[in-house]
Amino acid sequence: MNRRHLIIMSNRILSEILNEPDAYFLLQEAQSILNREREKRVQFYNDITEQEKVEFINGEIIIHSPVKKKHNQASLLLAQLLNIYSVKHNLGFVGIEKIMITLTRNDYEPDICFFKKEKSSGFTENQTLFPAPDLVIEILSDSTEVRDRGVKFKDYQSHKIEEYWIIDPENQTLEQYHLKGGVYDLIFKSSQGLVTSFVVEGFQIPVLAIFDEAENLRTIVGF
């Protein structure tokens, strides 16, 4: 469901609430729920540790399970490509695994994210909470796919994160989404060929380099 449809649905729900004689009480209760959620979120910030990968999504604390080797390898190889290229060309900051991005309602720890230099230049060495990145990459697993394609997809889109990649290590495919008119447009989906980033200037890699170490090294040499 794209942003346009979400706006239409939200307006319809709001209209239905306002047609109810107890609309004021319904909205008051909704605000009360959000206030309690905000308190829980503050406590979440106080309780989280560096040892766990954990996220705060729609009022729920999500603790992630350990990942499979193929998930870890895809994440490592892609982060390696992105970080080496970014450092070489002085483009920005690459975060992996434990970088927490804090959006309006939710807090996520994407597998990989990238912040352009204009944004990352203001980051401090002891910073633990980060704004919306320019590029987010999620590596699918059985326990995260629904969120990666659902609430995260909608949230990243709503917060105007320009580019979103979804990596499927099982089928060795990459999906590339680009924000266009406030809506993610699927630009590329394949297990082969070259993918070119919209956000990371000049960053073009073979999809195979995300899954194959030899291809990964050849790509790095070519940077």
C-alpha atoms as a PDB file:
ATOM      1  CA  MET A   1       0.000   0.000   0.000  1.00  0.00           C
ATOM      2  CA  ASN A   2       1.511   3.318  -1.049  1.00  0.00           C
ATOM      3  CA  ARG A   3       1.484   6.620   0.797  1.00  0.00           C
ATOM      4  CA  ARG A   4      -1.405   7.997  -1.245  1.00  0.00           C
ATOM      5  CA  HIS A   5      -3.657   5.094  -0.263  1.00  0.00           C
ATOM      6  CA  LEU A   6      -2.567   5.410   3.378  1.00  0.00           C
ATOM      7  CA  ILE A   7      -3.547   9.084   3.432  1.00  0.00           C
ATOM      8  CA  ILE A   8      -6.957   8.277   1.919  1.00  0.00           C
ATOM      9  CA  MET A   9      -7.502   5.499   4.481  1.00  0.00           C
ATOM     10  CA  SER A  10      -6.390   7.734   7.370  1.00  0.00           C
ATOM     11  CA  ASN A  11      -8.777  10.475   6.294  1.00  0.00           C
ATOM     12  CA  ARG A  12     -11.632   7.969   6.069  1.00  0.00           C
ATOM     13  CA  ILE A  13     -10.920   6.593   9.541  1.00  0.00           C
ATOM     14  CA  LEU A  14     -10.715  10.110  10.989  1.00  0.00           C
ATOM     15  CA  SER A  15     -13.978  11.062   9.276  1.00  0.00           C
ATOM     16  CA  GLU A  16     -15.707   7.988  10.741  1.00  0.00           C
ATOM     17  CA  ILE A  17     -14.461   8.864  14.233  1.00  0.00           C
ATOM     18  CA  LEU A  18     -15.644  12.469  13.925  1.00  0.00           C
ATOM     19  CA  ASN A  19     -19.113  11.252  12.921  1.00  0.00           C
ATOM     20  CA  GLU A  20     -19.431   9.464  16.257  1.00  0.00           C
ATOM     21  CA  PRO A  21     -21.099  11.403  19.116  1.00  0.00           C
ATOM     22  CA  ASP A  22     -18.309  10.333  21.487  1.00  0.00           C
ATOM     23  CA  ALA A  23     -15.537  11.361  19.075  1.00  0.00           C
ATOM     24  CA  TYR A  24     -13.926  13.569  21.710  1.00  0.00           C
ATOM     25  CA  PHE A  25     -13.616  10.667  24.163  1.00  0.00           C
ATOM     26  CA  LEU A  26     -12.270   8.337  21.465  1.00  0.00           C
ATOM     27  CA  LEU A  27      -9.566  10.825  20.496  1.00  0.00           C
ATOM     28  CA  GLN A  28      -8.805  11.495  24.150  1.00  0.00           C
ATOM     29  CA  GLU A  29      -8.305   7.770  24.740  1.00  0.00           C
ATOM     30  CA  ALA A  30      -6.054   7.541  21.667  1.00  0.00           C
ATOM     31  CA  GLN A  31      -3.955  10.410  23.026  1.00  0.00           C
ATOM     32  CA  SER A  32      -3.783   8.706  26.414  1.00  0.00           C
ATOM     33  CA  ILE A  33      -2.498   5.511  24.757  1.00  0.00           C
ATOM     34  CA  LEU A  34       0.150   7.464  22.855  1.00  0.00           C
ATOM     35  CA  ASN A  35       1.209   9.226  26.061  1.00  0.00           C
ATOM     36  CA  ARG A  36       1.699   5.872  27.809  1.00  0.00           C
ATOM     37  CA  GLU A  37       3.609   4.650  24.771  1.00  0.00           C
ATOM     38  CA  ARG A  38       5.873   7.701  24.984  1.00  0.00           C
ATOM     39  CA  GLU A  39       6.631   6.931  28.634  1.00  0.00           C
ATOM     40  CA  LYS A  40       7.448   3.334  27.690  1.00  0.00           C
ATOM     41  CA  ARG A  41       9.759   4.626  24.972  1.00  0.00           C
ATOM     42  CA  VAL A  42      11.675   6.796  27.447  1.00  0.00           C
ATOM     43  CA  GLN A  43      12.117   3.746  29.678  1.00  0.00           C
ATOM     44  CA  PHE A  44      13.254   1.785  26.616  1.00  0.00           C
ATOM     45  CA  TYR A  45      16.053   4.319  26.060  1.00  0.00           C
ATOM     46  CA  ASN A  46      17.142   3.895  29.675  1.00  0.00           C
ATOM     47  CA  ASP A  47      17.133   0.096  29.556  1.00  0.00           C
ATOM     48  CA  ILE A  48      18.746  -0.769  26.221  1.00  0.00           C
ATOM     49  CA  THR A  49      22.303  -2.066  26.166  1.00  0.00           C
ATOM     50  CA  GLU A  50      24.981  -2.476  23.516  1.00  0.00           C
ATOM     51  CA  GLN A  51      24.731  -6.255  23.785  1.00  0.00           C
ATOM     52  CA  GLU A  52      21.253  -6.678  22.287  1.00  0.00           C
ATOM     53  CA  LYS A  53      19.812  -5.732  18.927  1.00  0.00           C
ATOM     54  CA  VAL A  54      16.453  -4.297  19.940  1.00  0.00           C
ATOM     55  CA  GLU A  55      13.855  -1.968  18.403  1.00  0.00           C
ATOM     56  CA  PHE A  56      10.822  -0.018  19.588  1.00  0.00           C
ATOM     57  CA  ILE A  57       7.945  -0.438  17.131  1.00  0.00           C
ATOM     58  CA  ASN A  58       4.420   0.890  17.693  1.00  0.00           C
ATOM     59  CA  GLY A  59       4.746   0.643  21.458  1.00  0.00           C
ATOM     60  CA  GLU A  60       6.327  -2.824  21.464  1.00  0.00           C
ATOM     61  CA  ILE A  61       9.919  -3.733  22.296  1.00  0.00           C
ATOM     62  CA  ILE A  62      11.269  -6.154  19.684  1.00  0.00           C
ATOM     63  CA  ILE A  63      14.346  -8.194  20.632  1.00  0.00           C
ATOM     64  CA  HIS A  64      15.998  -9.799  17.625  1.00  0.00           C
ATOM     65  CA  SER A  65      17.076 -13.425  17.421  1.00  0.00           C
ATOM     66  CA  PRO A  66      20.608 -14.400  16.371  1.00  0.00           C
ATOM     67  CA  VAL A  67      21.032 -14.351  12.588  1.00  0.00           C
ATOM     68  CA  LYS A  68      22.014 -17.157  10.213  1.00  0.00           C
ATOM     69  CA  LYS A  69      25.502 -17.202   8.687  1.00  0.00           C
ATOM     70  CA  LYS A  70      24.218 -16.245   5.217  1.00  0.00           C
ATOM     71  CA  HIS A  71      22.459 -13.201   6.695  1.00  0.00           C
ATOM     72  CA  ASN A  72      25.642 -12.138   8.469  1.00  0.00           C
ATOM     73  CA  GLN A  73      27.783 -12.668   5.371  1.00  0.00           C
ATOM     74  CA  ALA A  74      25.504 -10.596   3.120  1.00  0.00           C
ATOM     75  CA  SER A  75      25.410  -7.824   5.709  1.00  0.00           C
ATOM     76  CA  LEU A  76      29.187  -7.867   6.189  1.00  0.00           C
ATOM     77  CA  LEU A  77      30.055  -7.950   2.481  1.00  0.00           C
ATOM     78  CA  LEU A  78      27.662  -5.155   1.570  1.00  0.00           C
ATOM     79  CA  ALA A  79      28.686  -2.960   4.514  1.00  0.00           C
ATOM     80  CA  GLN A  80      32.320  -3.545   3.529  1.00  0.00           C
ATOM     81  CA  LEU A  81      31.641  -2.351  -0.028  1.00  0.00           C
ATOM     82  CA  LEU A  82      29.650   0.666   1.066  1.00  0.00           C
ATOM     83  CA  ASN A  83      32.054   1.731   3.805  1.00  0.00           C
ATOM     84  CA  ILE A  84      35.250   1.420   1.754  1.00  0.00           C
ATOM     85  CA  TYR A  85      33.683   3.357  -1.117  1.00  0.00           C
ATOM     86  CA  SER A  86      32.266   6.018   1.193  1.00  0.00           C
ATOM     87  CA  VAL A  87      35.563   6.512   3.046  1.00  0.00           C
ATOM     88  CA  LYS A  88      37.588   6.629  -0.176  1.00  0.00           C
ATOM     89  CA  HIS A  89      35.369   9.352  -1.635  1.00  0.00           C
ATOM     90  CA  ASN A  90      34.591  11.118   1.666  1.00  0.00           C
ATOM     91  CA  LEU A  91      30.835  10.820   1.173  1.00  0.00           C
ATOM     92  CA  GLY A  92      29.413  10.244   4.640  1.00  0.00           C
ATOM     93  CA  PHE A  93      28.922   7.737   7.454  1.00  0.00           C
ATOM     94  CA  VAL A  94      27.981   4.048   7.211  1.00  0.00           C
ATOM     95  CA  GLY A  95      26.263   2.441  10.178  1.00  0.00           C
ATOM     96  CA  ILE A  96      25.872  -1.294  10.691  1.00  0.00           C
ATOM     97  CA  GLU A  97      23.672  -3.368  13.023  1.00  0.00           C
ATOM     98  CA  LYS A  98      23.735  -1.300  16.232  1.00  0.00           C
ATOM     99  CA  ILE A  99      23.051   2.201  14.892  1.00  0.00           C
ATOM    100  CA  MET A 100      19.663   3.217  16.283  1.00  0.00           C
ATOM    101  CA  ILE A 101      17.653   5.597  14.151  1.00  0.00           C
ATOM    102  CA  THR A 102      14.870   7.380  15.986  1.00  0.00           C
ATOM    103  CA  LEU A 103      11.830   8.387  13.953  1.00  0.00           C
ATOM    104  CA  THR A 104       8.616  10.111  15.055  1.00  0.00           C
ATOM    105  CA  ARG A 105       7.133   7.111  16.836  1.00  0.00           C
ATOM    106  CA  ASN A 106       9.547   4.238  16.399  1.00  0.00           C
ATOM    107  CA  ASP A 107      13.207   3.345  16.865  1.00  0.00           C
ATOM    108  CA  TYR A 108      14.973   0.966  14.491  1.00  0.00           C
ATOM    109  CA  GLU A 109      18.395  -0.632  14.191  1.00  0.00           C
ATOM    110  CA  PRO A 110      18.717  -1.278  10.443  1.00  0.00           C
ATOM    111  CA  ASP A 111      21.192  -3.858   9.215  1.00  0.00           C
ATOM    112  CA  ILE A 112      23.008  -1.120   7.273  1.00  0.00           C
ATOM    113  CA  CYS A 113      22.371   2.597   6.861  1.00  0.00           C
ATOM    114  CA  PHE A 114      24.125   5.527   5.218  1.00  0.00           C
ATOM    115  CA  PHE A 115      24.100   9.226   6.100  1.00  0.00           C
ATOM    116  CA  LYS A 116      25.359  11.803   3.617  1.00  0.00           C
ATOM    117  CA  LYS A 117      28.224  13.982   4.767  1.00  0.00           C
ATOM    118  CA  GLU A 118      25.965  17.028   5.197  1.00  0.00           C
ATOM    119  CA  LYS A 119      24.064  15.116   7.874  1.00  0.00           C
ATOM    120  CA  SER A 120      26.814  12.989   9.413  1.00  0.00           C
ATOM    121  CA  SER A 121      29.278  15.847   9.884  1.00  0.00           C
ATOM    122  CA  GLY A 122      27.324  16.894  12.970  1.00  0.00           C
ATOM    123  CA  PHE A 123      27.480  13.462  14.645  1.00  0.00           C
ATOM    124  CA  THR A 124      29.469  13.135  17.885  1.00  0.00           C
ATOM    125  CA  GLU A 125      31.689  10.245  18.976  1.00  0.00           C
ATOM    126  CA  ASN A 126      29.376   9.365  21.887  1.00  0.00           C
ATOM    127  CA  GLN A 127      26.088   9.713  19.984  1.00  0.00           C
ATOM    128  CA  THR A 128      23.672   6.790  20.404  1.00  0.00           C
ATOM    129  CA  LEU A 129      20.477   8.001  18.698  1.00  0.00           C
ATOM    130  CA  PHE A 130      20.526   9.049  15.058  1.00  0.00           C
ATOM    131  CA  PRO A 131      18.138  10.817  12.660  1.00  0.00           C
ATOM    132  CA  ALA A 132      16.591   9.313   9.538  1.00  0.00           C
ATOM    133  CA  PRO A 133      19.386   8.129   7.199  1.00  0.00           C
ATOM    134  CA  ASP A 134      19.510   8.793   3.465  1.00  0.00           C
ATOM    135  CA  LEU A 135      19.777   5.089   2.622  1.00  0.00           C
ATOM    136  CA  VAL A 136      18.533   2.123   4.651  1.00  0.00           C
ATOM    137  CA  ILE A 137      19.336  -1.524   3.888  1.00  0.00           C
ATOM    138  CA  GLU A 138      17.561  -4.445   5.548  1.00  0.00           C
ATOM    139  CA  ILE A 139      18.690  -8.065   5.188  1.00  0.00           C
ATOM    140  CA  LEU A 140      15.654 -10.337   5.282  1.00  0.00           C
ATOM    141  CA  SER A 141      15.272 -13.192   7.751  1.00  0.00           C
ATOM    142  CA  ASP A 142      12.294 -15.355   8.650  1.00  0.00           C
ATOM    143  CA  SER A 143      11.594 -13.323  11.789  1.00  0.00           C
ATOM    144  CA  THR A 144      11.982  -9.858  10.236  1.00  0.00           C
ATOM    145  CA  GLU A 145      10.565 -10.058   6.702  1.00  0.00           C
ATOM    146  CA  VAL A 146       7.025  -9.014   7.652  1.00  0.00           C
ATOM    147  CA  ARG A 147       8.317  -5.902   9.444  1.00  0.00           C
ATOM    148  CA  ASP A 148      10.918  -5.102   6.766  1.00  0.00           C
ATOM    149  CA  ARG A 149       8.231  -5.140   4.081  1.00  0.00           C
ATOM    150  CA  GLY A 150       5.489  -3.744   6.299  1.00  0.00           C
ATOM    151  CA  VAL A 151       5.814  -1.240   9.135  1.00  0.00           C
ATOM    152  CA  LYS A 152       9.433  -0.359   8.331  1.00  0.00           C
ATOM    153  CA  PHE A 153       8.712   0.116   4.638  1.00  0.00           C
ATOM    154  CA  LYS A 154       5.844   2.503   5.489  1.00  0.00           C
ATOM    155  CA  ASP A 155       7.808   4.322   8.185  1.00  0.00           C
ATOM    156  CA  TYR A 156      10.925   4.811   6.064  1.00  0.00           C
ATOM    157  CA  GLN A 157       8.713   6.062   3.254  1.00  0.00           C
ATOM    158  CA  SER A 158       6.771   8.427   5.542  1.00  0.00           C
ATOM    159  CA  HIS A 159      10.019   9.896   6.905  1.00  0.00           C
ATOM    160  CA  LYS A 160      11.298  10.514   3.382  1.00  0.00           C
ATOM    161  CA  ILE A 161      14.300   8.198   3.565  1.00  0.00           C
ATOM    162  CA  GLU A 162      15.295   8.563  -0.059  1.00  0.00           C
ATOM    163  CA  GLU A 163      16.480   5.037  -0.807  1.00  0.00           C
ATOM    164  CA  TYR A 164      15.638   1.606   0.626  1.00  0.00           C
ATOM    165  CA  TRP A 165      17.273  -1.700  -0.270  1.00  0.00           C
ATOM    166  CA  ILE A 166      15.865  -5.073   0.747  1.00  0.00           C
ATOM    167  CA  ILE A 167      18.347  -7.941   0.486  1.00  0.00           C
ATOM    168  CA  ASP A 168      17.124 -11.548   0.370  1.00  0.00           C
ATOM    169  CA  PRO A 169      20.076 -13.819   1.287  1.00  0.00           C
ATOM    170  CA  GLU A 170      17.986 -16.956   0.714  1.00  0.00           C
ATOM    171  CA  ASN A 171      17.388 -16.186  -2.981  1.00  0.00           C
ATOM    172  CA  GLN A 172      20.396 -13.854  -3.301  1.00  0.00           C
ATOM    173  CA  THR A 173      18.329 -10.972  -4.655  1.00  0.00           C
ATOM    174  CA  LEU A 174      18.324  -7.217  -4.143  1.00  0.00           C
ATOM    175  CA  GLU A 175      15.287  -4.921  -4.292  1.00  0.00           C
ATOM    176  CA  GLN A 176      15.993  -1.208  -4.680  1.00  0.00           C
ATOM    177  CA  TYR A 177      13.307   1.369  -3.860  1.00  0.00           C
ATOM    178  CA  HIS A 178      13.614   5.079  -4.560  1.00  0.00           C
ATOM    179  CA  LEU A 179      11.381   7.788  -3.088  1.00  0.00           C
ATOM    180  CA  LYS A 180       9.434   9.542  -5.821  1.00  0.00           C
ATOM    181  CA  GLY A 181       6.608  11.952  -4.981  1.00  0.00           C
ATOM    182  CA  GLY A 182       6.569  10.690  -1.396  1.00  0.00           C
ATOM    183  CA  VAL A 183       6.126   7.061  -2.507  1.00  0.00           C
ATOM    184  CA  TYR A 184       8.699   4.266  -2.874  1.00  0.00           C
ATOM    185  CA  ASP A 185       9.114   3.195  -6.498  1.00  0.00           C
ATOM    186  CA  LEU A 186      10.616  -0.251  -7.150  1.00  0.00           C
ATOM    187  CA  ILE A 187      13.571   0.527  -9.412  1.00  0.00           C
ATOM    188  CA  PHE A 188      15.448  -2.752  -9.475  1.00  0.00           C
ATOM    189  CA  LYS A 189      14.906  -6.352  -8.378  1.00  0.00           C
ATOM    190  CA  SER A 190      17.374  -9.008  -9.454  1.00  0.00           C
ATOM    191  CA  SER A 191      19.953 -11.612  -8.469  1.00  0.00           C
ATOM    192  CA  GLN A 192      22.363 -10.403 -11.139  1.00  0.00           C
ATOM    193  CA  GLY A 193      23.483  -7.283 -12.958  1.00  0.00           C
ATOM    194  CA  LEU A 194      24.570  -3.927 -11.549  1.00  0.00           C
ATOM    195  CA  VAL A 195      22.744  -1.752  -9.021  1.00  0.00           C
ATOM    196  CA  THR A 196      23.448   1.984  -8.874  1.00  0.00           C
ATOM    197  CA  SER A 197      22.639   3.997  -5.752  1.00  0.00           C
ATOM    198  CA  PHE A 198      20.674   7.238  -5.983  1.00  0.00           C
ATOM    199  CA  VAL A 199      22.016   8.454  -2.641  1.00  0.00           C
ATOM    200  CA  VAL A 200      25.662   7.338  -2.613  1.00  0.00           C
ATOM    201  CA  GLU A 201      27.197   9.241  -5.496  1.00  0.00           C
ATOM    202  CA  GLY A 202      28.870   6.947  -8.032  1.00  0.00           C
ATOM    203  CA  PHE A 203      28.278   3.788  -5.996  1.00  0.00           C
ATOM    204  CA  GLN A 204      27.583   0.973  -8.470  1.00  0.00           C
ATOM    205  CA  ILE A 205      28.145  -2.683  -7.613  1.00  0.00           C
ATOM    206  CA  PRO A 206      27.308  -6.133  -9.002  1.00  0.00           C
ATOM    207  CA  VAL A 207      24.537  -7.790  -6.996  1.00  0.00           C
ATOM    208  CA  LEU A 208      26.759 -10.879  -6.836  1.00  0.00           C
ATOM    209  CA  ALA A 209      29.328  -8.899  -4.795  1.00  0.00           C
ATOM    210  CA  ILE A 210      26.863  -8.942  -1.854  1.00  0.00           C
ATOM    211  CA  PHE A 211      26.911 -12.736  -1.732  1.00  0.00           C
ATOM    212  CA  ASP A 212      30.257 -13.834  -3.183  1.00  0.00           C
ATOM    213  CA  GLU A 213      33.581 -13.014  -1.496  1.00  0.00           C
ATOM    214  CA  ALA A 214      35.690 -13.207  -4.663  1.00  0.00           C
ATOM    215  CA  GLU A 215      33.343 -10.857  -6.531  1.00  0.00           C
ATOM    216  CA  ASN A 216      33.298  -8.592  -3.490  1.00  0.00           C
ATOM    217  CA  LEU A 217      37.101  -8.261  -3.540  1.00  0.00           C
ATOM    218  CA  ARG A 218      37.176  -7.633  -7.302  1.00  0.00           C
ATOM    219  CA  THR A 219      34.613  -4.863  -6.832  1.00  0.00           C
ATOM    220  CA  ILE A 220      36.606  -3.235  -4.027  1.00  0.00           C
ATOM    221  CA  VAL A 221      39.770  -3.250  -6.151  1.00  0.00           C
ATOM    222  CA  GLY A 222      37.820  -1.394  -8.830  1.00  0.00           C
ATOM    223  CA  PHE A 223      36.731   1.459  -6.555  1.00  0.00           C
END
